[in-house]
Amino acid sequence: MGESIERFPLFPLGLVLLPGETAPLHIFEERYKTMIGDCLEGDTSFGIVWMGDDGLREVGCSADVSQLLEQADDGRMNILVEGTQPFRLLRRIDDMAYPAGDVELLEDEDGAGPAPESIASARRAYANLVERVTESAPSDEDLDTLDAYGMAATIAFELDAKQELLELRSETARLDRLASLCARALERFEYAEDAAERAQSNGKVHR
C-alpha cells in the first residue's frame, strides 16, 4: 500500500489531471481561495478529482501550485498547477472550510519497469499521430523523456480516456492503452480530413 494522507485538500473539477501535466486554474470561490491560500502558505499539495456526469471519481491526482500567475485584491487567483501522483479517495471529510478527504497515494505494480515492446509501440503510435497533426515528428530524444503520462498530456484525449490512464497501475498497461488511443485518434483525424476534402470538392461526404 502507498502512503496515506489524512484531511487532504480536494478540488473536484471537470477535468482530469495527469502526473507531470500542467494546467491553468482560475480560483474564484471562497472555499477554494482559502484552500489554495493554505497550500501556498504551507507549500503543500492538494488533489484534483474529476467530477463527471456520474459523480466524483475515486481516483484523482495530487497537484502542486507551480506558479501564482495573478492575484486580485478580492483573493481571486490565476494559478498554474502540475500533477504529481495518483491517489485513491478513501473517505470524504466534511468539517473543513473546503472539500477534503483521507487518501492513499497509489504506486505502480510493475516494479521491473515497462515492457520494451510496449514502449516501442506507444512511442511509434504517438509519433505517427503528432507528425500527422503537426507535420513535425518528435525526435527520438524527445520521446526518450516521455512516459505514458507525458505523451498523453500533450494530446486532447477525452476525459474518460485520461481517467482510465490515471487509474491503471502499470506503466506497461498505460503504454498499451496509449498506443490504442493514439491509433484511434489518428484514424479519426484522417477521416475528418478526408471528409473536409470531399466536401470542398463536391459538397457530398460518403463514409
C-alpha atoms as a PDB file:
ATOM      1  CA  MET A   1       0.000   0.000   0.000  1.00  0.00           C
ATOM      2  CA  GLY A   2       1.067   3.564  -0.658  1.00  0.00           C
ATOM      3  CA  GLU A   3       1.356   6.418   1.792  1.00  0.00           C
ATOM      4  CA  SER A   4      -1.879   7.582   3.393  1.00  0.00           C
ATOM      5  CA  ILE A   5      -2.649  11.263   3.901  1.00  0.00           C
ATOM      6  CA  GLU A   6      -5.421  12.424   6.191  1.00  0.00           C
ATOM      7  CA  ARG A   7      -7.534  15.530   5.591  1.00  0.00           C
ATOM      8  CA  PHE A   8      -6.048  16.103   2.140  1.00  0.00           C
ATOM      9  CA  PRO A   9      -7.493  19.185   0.361  1.00  0.00           C
ATOM     10  CA  LEU A  10      -9.617  18.223  -2.649  1.00  0.00           C
ATOM     11  CA  PHE A  11     -10.670  20.215  -5.714  1.00  0.00           C
ATOM     12  CA  PRO A  12     -13.456  18.492  -7.682  1.00  0.00           C
ATOM     13  CA  LEU A  13     -13.275  19.753 -11.265  1.00  0.00           C
ATOM     14  CA  GLY A  14     -14.483  18.962 -14.740  1.00  0.00           C
ATOM     15  CA  LEU A  15     -11.010  17.898 -15.810  1.00  0.00           C
ATOM     16  CA  VAL A  16      -8.564  15.042 -15.378  1.00  0.00           C
ATOM     17  CA  LEU A  17      -5.008  15.965 -14.433  1.00  0.00           C
ATOM     18  CA  LEU A  18      -2.174  13.511 -15.093  1.00  0.00           C
ATOM     19  CA  PRO A  19       1.167  13.304 -13.275  1.00  0.00           C
ATOM     20  CA  GLY A  20       3.591  15.700 -14.931  1.00  0.00           C
ATOM     21  CA  GLU A  21       0.804  17.564 -16.729  1.00  0.00           C
ATOM     22  CA  THR A  22       0.373  21.306 -16.177  1.00  0.00           C
ATOM     23  CA  ALA A  23      -2.956  23.133 -16.221  1.00  0.00           C
ATOM     24  CA  PRO A  24      -4.122  26.703 -15.559  1.00  0.00           C
ATOM     25  CA  LEU A  25      -6.835  27.210 -12.933  1.00  0.00           C
ATOM     26  CA  HIS A  26      -8.932  30.257 -12.113  1.00  0.00           C
ATOM     27  CA  ILE A  27      -9.745  30.325  -8.402  1.00  0.00           C
ATOM     28  CA  PHE A  28     -12.792  32.404  -7.502  1.00  0.00           C
ATOM     29  CA  GLU A  29     -14.943  30.513  -4.963  1.00  0.00           C
ATOM     30  CA  GLU A  30     -14.244  31.499  -1.341  1.00  0.00           C
ATOM     31  CA  ARG A  31     -13.616  27.933  -0.184  1.00  0.00           C
ATOM     32  CA  TYR A  32     -11.071  27.310  -2.917  1.00  0.00           C
ATOM     33  CA  LYS A  33      -9.415  30.693  -2.391  1.00  0.00           C
ATOM     34  CA  THR A  34      -8.944  29.570   1.210  1.00  0.00           C
ATOM     35  CA  MET A  35      -7.680  26.139   0.147  1.00  0.00           C
ATOM     36  CA  ILE A  36      -5.149  27.418  -2.378  1.00  0.00           C
ATOM     37  CA  GLY A  37      -4.071  30.130   0.052  1.00  0.00           C
ATOM     38  CA  ASP A  38      -3.342  27.458   2.666  1.00  0.00           C
ATOM     39  CA  CYS A  39      -1.417  25.376   0.107  1.00  0.00           C
ATOM     40  CA  LEU A  40       0.660  28.378  -0.955  1.00  0.00           C
ATOM     41  CA  GLU A  41       1.383  29.379   2.632  1.00  0.00           C
ATOM     42  CA  GLY A  42       2.364  25.876   3.687  1.00  0.00           C
ATOM     43  CA  ASP A  43       3.923  24.835   0.370  1.00  0.00           C
ATOM     44  CA  THR A  44       1.647  21.785   0.322  1.00  0.00           C
ATOM     45  CA  SER A  45      -0.253  19.838  -2.328  1.00  0.00           C
ATOM     46  CA  PHE A  46      -3.951  19.358  -2.993  1.00  0.00           C
ATOM     47  CA  GLY A  47      -5.879  16.824  -5.029  1.00  0.00           C
ATOM     48  CA  ILE A  48      -7.783  17.284  -8.272  1.00  0.00           C
ATOM     49  CA  VAL A  49     -10.619  14.796  -8.773  1.00  0.00           C
ATOM     50  CA  TRP A  50     -12.771  14.569 -11.884  1.00  0.00           C
ATOM     51  CA  MET A  51     -16.393  15.436 -11.239  1.00  0.00           C
ATOM     52  CA  GLY A  52     -18.061  13.666 -14.153  1.00  0.00           C
ATOM     53  CA  ASP A  53     -21.703  13.234 -15.096  1.00  0.00           C
ATOM     54  CA  ASP A  54     -21.905  10.183 -12.859  1.00  0.00           C
ATOM     55  CA  GLY A  55     -20.340  11.865  -9.836  1.00  0.00           C
ATOM     56  CA  LEU A  56     -16.950  12.231  -8.206  1.00  0.00           C
ATOM     57  CA  ARG A  57     -14.365   9.687  -9.276  1.00  0.00           C
ATOM     58  CA  GLU A  58     -12.489   7.641  -6.710  1.00  0.00           C
ATOM     59  CA  VAL A  59      -9.032   8.156  -8.213  1.00  0.00           C
ATOM     60  CA  GLY A  60      -7.536  11.617  -8.614  1.00  0.00           C
ATOM     61  CA  CYS A  61      -4.146  13.264  -8.969  1.00  0.00           C
ATOM     62  CA  SER A  62      -2.273  15.325  -6.406  1.00  0.00           C
ATOM     63  CA  ALA A  63      -1.136  18.709  -7.648  1.00  0.00           C
ATOM     64  CA  ASP A  64       1.348  21.413  -6.703  1.00  0.00           C
ATOM     65  CA  VAL A  65       0.932  25.101  -7.428  1.00  0.00           C
ATOM     66  CA  SER A  66       3.886  25.676  -9.739  1.00  0.00           C
ATOM     67  CA  GLN A  67       3.160  29.355 -10.324  1.00  0.00           C
ATOM     68  CA  LEU A  68       0.878  32.078  -8.986  1.00  0.00           C
ATOM     69  CA  LEU A  69       0.155  33.952 -12.193  1.00  0.00           C
ATOM     70  CA  GLU A  70      -2.128  36.665 -10.849  1.00  0.00           C
ATOM     71  CA  GLN A  71      -3.964  37.555  -7.655  1.00  0.00           C
ATOM     72  CA  ALA A  72      -6.721  40.150  -7.376  1.00  0.00           C
ATOM     73  CA  ASP A  73      -7.490  42.278  -4.328  1.00  0.00           C
ATOM     74  CA  ASP A  74     -10.533  40.123  -3.550  1.00  0.00           C
ATOM     75  CA  GLY A  75      -8.391  36.972  -3.426  1.00  0.00           C
ATOM     76  CA  ARG A  76      -9.244  35.570  -6.836  1.00  0.00           C
ATOM     77  CA  MET A  77      -6.244  33.864  -8.392  1.00  0.00           C
ATOM     78  CA  ASN A  78      -4.951  32.529 -11.665  1.00  0.00           C
ATOM     79  CA  ILE A  79      -2.532  29.727 -10.959  1.00  0.00           C
ATOM     80  CA  LEU A  80      -0.597  27.085 -12.842  1.00  0.00           C
ATOM     81  CA  VAL A  81      -0.593  23.615 -11.313  1.00  0.00           C
ATOM     82  CA  GLU A  82       1.374  20.459 -12.051  1.00  0.00           C
ATOM     83  CA  GLY A  83       0.142  16.932 -11.413  1.00  0.00           C
ATOM     84  CA  THR A  84       2.349  14.789  -9.201  1.00  0.00           C
ATOM     85  CA  GLN A  85       0.916  11.411  -8.127  1.00  0.00           C
ATOM     86  CA  PRO A  86      -2.330   9.446  -8.427  1.00  0.00           C
ATOM     87  CA  PHE A  87      -4.300   8.800  -5.260  1.00  0.00           C
ATOM     88  CA  ARG A  88      -7.417   6.945  -4.187  1.00  0.00           C
ATOM     89  CA  LEU A  89     -10.033   8.733  -2.133  1.00  0.00           C
ATOM     90  CA  LEU A  90     -10.796   6.609   0.910  1.00  0.00           C
ATOM     91  CA  ARG A  91     -13.118   8.888   2.866  1.00  0.00           C
ATOM     92  CA  ARG A  92     -14.661  12.337   2.439  1.00  0.00           C
ATOM     93  CA  ILE A  93     -14.057  14.945   5.162  1.00  0.00           C
ATOM     94  CA  ASP A  94     -16.847  17.487   5.629  1.00  0.00           C
ATOM     95  CA  ASP A  95     -15.760  19.532   8.664  1.00  0.00           C
ATOM     96  CA  MET A  96     -13.207  21.790   6.944  1.00  0.00           C
ATOM     97  CA  ALA A  97     -13.558  25.124   5.169  1.00  0.00           C
ATOM     98  CA  TYR A  98     -13.136  23.338   1.826  1.00  0.00           C
ATOM     99  CA  PRO A  99     -13.569  19.799   0.475  1.00  0.00           C
ATOM    100  CA  ALA A 100     -11.057  17.287   1.822  1.00  0.00           C
ATOM    101  CA  GLY A 101     -10.591  13.586   2.340  1.00  0.00           C
ATOM    102  CA  ASP A 102      -8.369  10.793   3.550  1.00  0.00           C
ATOM    103  CA  VAL A 103      -6.429   9.477   0.567  1.00  0.00           C
ATOM    104  CA  GLU A 104      -3.943   6.759  -0.320  1.00  0.00           C
ATOM    105  CA  LEU A 105      -1.159   7.598  -2.775  1.00  0.00           C
ATOM    106  CA  LEU A 106      -1.016   4.953  -5.499  1.00  0.00           C
ATOM    107  CA  GLU A 107       2.132   3.175  -6.649  1.00  0.00           C
ATOM    108  CA  ASP A 108       2.693   1.173  -9.827  1.00  0.00           C
ATOM    109  CA  GLU A 109       2.681  -2.606  -9.620  1.00  0.00           C
ATOM    110  CA  ASP A 110       5.206  -3.398 -12.380  1.00  0.00           C
ATOM    111  CA  GLY A 111       8.333  -2.801 -10.321  1.00  0.00           C
ATOM    112  CA  ALA A 112      10.577  -4.269 -13.030  1.00  0.00           C
ATOM    113  CA  GLY A 113       9.597  -1.476 -15.407  1.00  0.00           C
ATOM    114  CA  PRO A 114       7.530  -1.385 -18.592  1.00  0.00           C
ATOM    115  CA  ALA A 115       7.880  -3.989 -21.345  1.00  0.00           C
ATOM    116  CA  PRO A 116      10.236  -2.804 -24.121  1.00  0.00           C
ATOM    117  CA  GLU A 117       7.747  -3.765 -26.839  1.00  0.00           C
ATOM    118  CA  SER A 118       5.076  -1.644 -25.131  1.00  0.00           C
ATOM    119  CA  ILE A 119       7.424   1.343 -25.017  1.00  0.00           C
ATOM    120  CA  ALA A 120       8.249   0.990 -28.714  1.00  0.00           C
ATOM    121  CA  SER A 121       4.618   0.535 -29.766  1.00  0.00           C
ATOM    122  CA  ALA A 122       3.376   3.533 -27.781  1.00  0.00           C
ATOM    123  CA  ARG A 123       6.146   5.821 -28.999  1.00  0.00           C
ATOM    124  CA  ARG A 124       5.560   4.780 -32.588  1.00  0.00           C
ATOM    125  CA  ALA A 125       1.795   5.393 -32.387  1.00  0.00           C
ATOM    126  CA  TYR A 126       2.311   8.701 -30.586  1.00  0.00           C
ATOM    127  CA  ALA A 127       4.933   9.902 -33.084  1.00  0.00           C
ATOM    128  CA  ASN A 128       2.693   8.969 -36.029  1.00  0.00           C
ATOM    129  CA  LEU A 129      -0.193  10.971 -34.565  1.00  0.00           C
ATOM    130  CA  VAL A 130       1.912  14.014 -33.711  1.00  0.00           C
ATOM    131  CA  GLU A 131       3.563  14.049 -37.131  1.00  0.00           C
ATOM    132  CA  ARG A 132       0.207  13.747 -38.912  1.00  0.00           C
ATOM    133  CA  VAL A 133      -1.407  16.539 -36.911  1.00  0.00           C
ATOM    134  CA  THR A 134       1.515  18.978 -36.646  1.00  0.00           C
ATOM    135  CA  GLU A 135       3.563  17.954 -39.710  1.00  0.00           C
ATOM    136  CA  SER A 136       6.572  17.657 -37.394  1.00  0.00           C
ATOM    137  CA  ALA A 137       7.676  14.358 -35.891  1.00  0.00           C
ATOM    138  CA  PRO A 138       9.027  14.290 -32.320  1.00  0.00           C
ATOM    139  CA  SER A 139      12.707  13.434 -32.114  1.00  0.00           C
ATOM    140  CA  ASP A 140      13.983  10.244 -30.513  1.00  0.00           C
ATOM    141  CA  GLU A 141      15.487  12.423 -27.781  1.00  0.00           C
ATOM    142  CA  ASP A 142      12.092  13.952 -27.054  1.00  0.00           C
ATOM    143  CA  LEU A 143      10.414  10.543 -26.978  1.00  0.00           C
ATOM    144  CA  ASP A 144      13.033   9.220 -24.568  1.00  0.00           C
ATOM    145  CA  THR A 145      11.916  11.798 -21.988  1.00  0.00           C
ATOM    146  CA  LEU A 146       8.214  10.939 -22.155  1.00  0.00           C
ATOM    147  CA  ASP A 147       6.410   8.195 -20.296  1.00  0.00           C
ATOM    148  CA  ALA A 148       2.767   7.292 -20.955  1.00  0.00           C
ATOM    149  CA  TYR A 149       1.507  10.183 -18.829  1.00  0.00           C
ATOM    150  CA  GLY A 150       3.882  12.599 -20.557  1.00  0.00           C
ATOM    151  CA  MET A 151       2.710  11.620 -24.024  1.00  0.00           C
ATOM    152  CA  ALA A 152      -0.970  11.640 -23.050  1.00  0.00           C
ATOM    153  CA  ALA A 153      -0.653  15.099 -21.510  1.00  0.00           C
ATOM    154  CA  THR A 154       0.166  16.611 -24.908  1.00  0.00           C
ATOM    155  CA  ILE A 155      -2.963  15.247 -26.626  1.00  0.00           C
ATOM    156  CA  ALA A 156      -6.563  16.374 -26.107  1.00  0.00           C
ATOM    157  CA  PHE A 157      -7.961  12.944 -25.255  1.00  0.00           C
ATOM    158  CA  GLU A 158     -11.492  12.555 -23.953  1.00  0.00           C
ATOM    159  CA  LEU A 159     -11.707  12.834 -20.172  1.00  0.00           C
ATOM    160  CA  ASP A 160     -12.802   9.231 -19.707  1.00  0.00           C
ATOM    161  CA  ALA A 161      -9.696   8.065 -21.614  1.00  0.00           C
ATOM    162  CA  LYS A 162      -7.426  10.206 -19.426  1.00  0.00           C
ATOM    163  CA  GLN A 163      -9.168   8.906 -16.308  1.00  0.00           C
ATOM    164  CA  GLU A 164      -8.590   5.350 -17.465  1.00  0.00           C
ATOM    165  CA  LEU A 165      -4.872   6.045 -17.872  1.00  0.00           C
ATOM    166  CA  LEU A 166      -4.769   7.645 -14.432  1.00  0.00           C
ATOM    167  CA  GLU A 167      -6.353   4.591 -12.824  1.00  0.00           C
ATOM    168  CA  LEU A 168      -4.092   1.974 -14.457  1.00  0.00           C
ATOM    169  CA  ARG A 169      -1.440   0.794 -12.024  1.00  0.00           C
ATOM    170  CA  SER A 170       1.045  -0.484 -14.586  1.00  0.00           C
ATOM    171  CA  GLU A 171       3.173   1.566 -16.979  1.00  0.00           C
ATOM    172  CA  THR A 172       3.045  -1.315 -19.458  1.00  0.00           C
ATOM    173  CA  ALA A 173      -0.757  -1.213 -19.374  1.00  0.00           C
ATOM    174  CA  ARG A 174      -0.755   2.570 -19.755  1.00  0.00           C
ATOM    175  CA  LEU A 175       1.601   2.399 -22.740  1.00  0.00           C
ATOM    176  CA  ASP A 176      -0.522  -0.274 -24.420  1.00  0.00           C
ATOM    177  CA  ARG A 177      -3.668   1.765 -23.859  1.00  0.00           C
ATOM    178  CA  LEU A 178      -1.958   4.927 -25.078  1.00  0.00           C
ATOM    179  CA  ALA A 179      -0.907   3.201 -28.304  1.00  0.00           C
ATOM    180  CA  SER A 180      -4.532   2.215 -28.902  1.00  0.00           C
ATOM    181  CA  LEU A 181      -5.801   5.727 -28.137  1.00  0.00           C
ATOM    182  CA  CYS A 182      -3.261   7.326 -30.482  1.00  0.00           C
ATOM    183  CA  ALA A 183      -4.101   4.914 -33.302  1.00  0.00           C
ATOM    184  CA  ARG A 184      -7.811   5.633 -32.912  1.00  0.00           C
ATOM    185  CA  ALA A 185      -7.213   9.397 -32.773  1.00  0.00           C
ATOM    186  CA  LEU A 186      -5.158   9.164 -35.961  1.00  0.00           C
ATOM    187  CA  GLU A 187      -7.976   7.316 -37.718  1.00  0.00           C
ATOM    188  CA  ARG A 188     -10.490   9.977 -36.667  1.00  0.00           C
ATOM    189  CA  PHE A 189      -8.171  12.770 -37.790  1.00  0.00           C
ATOM    190  CA  GLU A 190      -7.607  11.216 -41.191  1.00  0.00           C
ATOM    191  CA  TYR A 191     -11.334  10.602 -41.660  1.00  0.00           C
ATOM    192  CA  ALA A 192     -12.135  14.230 -40.751  1.00  0.00           C
ATOM    193  CA  GLU A 193      -9.502  15.458 -43.188  1.00  0.00           C
ATOM    194  CA  ASP A 194     -10.843  13.225 -45.942  1.00  0.00           C
ATOM    195  CA  ALA A 195     -14.406  14.344 -45.253  1.00  0.00           C
ATOM    196  CA  ALA A 196     -13.367  18.000 -45.453  1.00  0.00           C
ATOM    197  CA  GLU A 197     -11.615  17.438 -48.771  1.00  0.00           C
ATOM    198  CA  ARG A 198     -14.655  15.656 -50.232  1.00  0.00           C
ATOM    199  CA  ALA A 199     -16.985  18.376 -49.016  1.00  0.00           C
ATOM    200  CA  GLN A 200     -14.850  21.005 -50.741  1.00  0.00           C
ATOM    201  CA  SER A 201     -14.717  19.047 -53.976  1.00  0.00           C
ATOM    202  CA  ASN A 202     -18.350  18.063 -54.485  1.00  0.00           C
ATOM    203  CA  GLY A 203     -20.337  19.040 -51.434  1.00  0.00           C
ATOM    204  CA  LYS A 204     -21.025  15.400 -50.544  1.00  0.00           C
ATOM    205  CA  VAL A 205     -19.456  13.180 -47.987  1.00  0.00           C
ATOM    206  CA  HIS A 206     -19.784   9.414 -48.142  1.00  0.00           C
ATOM    207  CA  ARG A 207     -18.394   7.235 -45.403  1.00  0.00           C
END
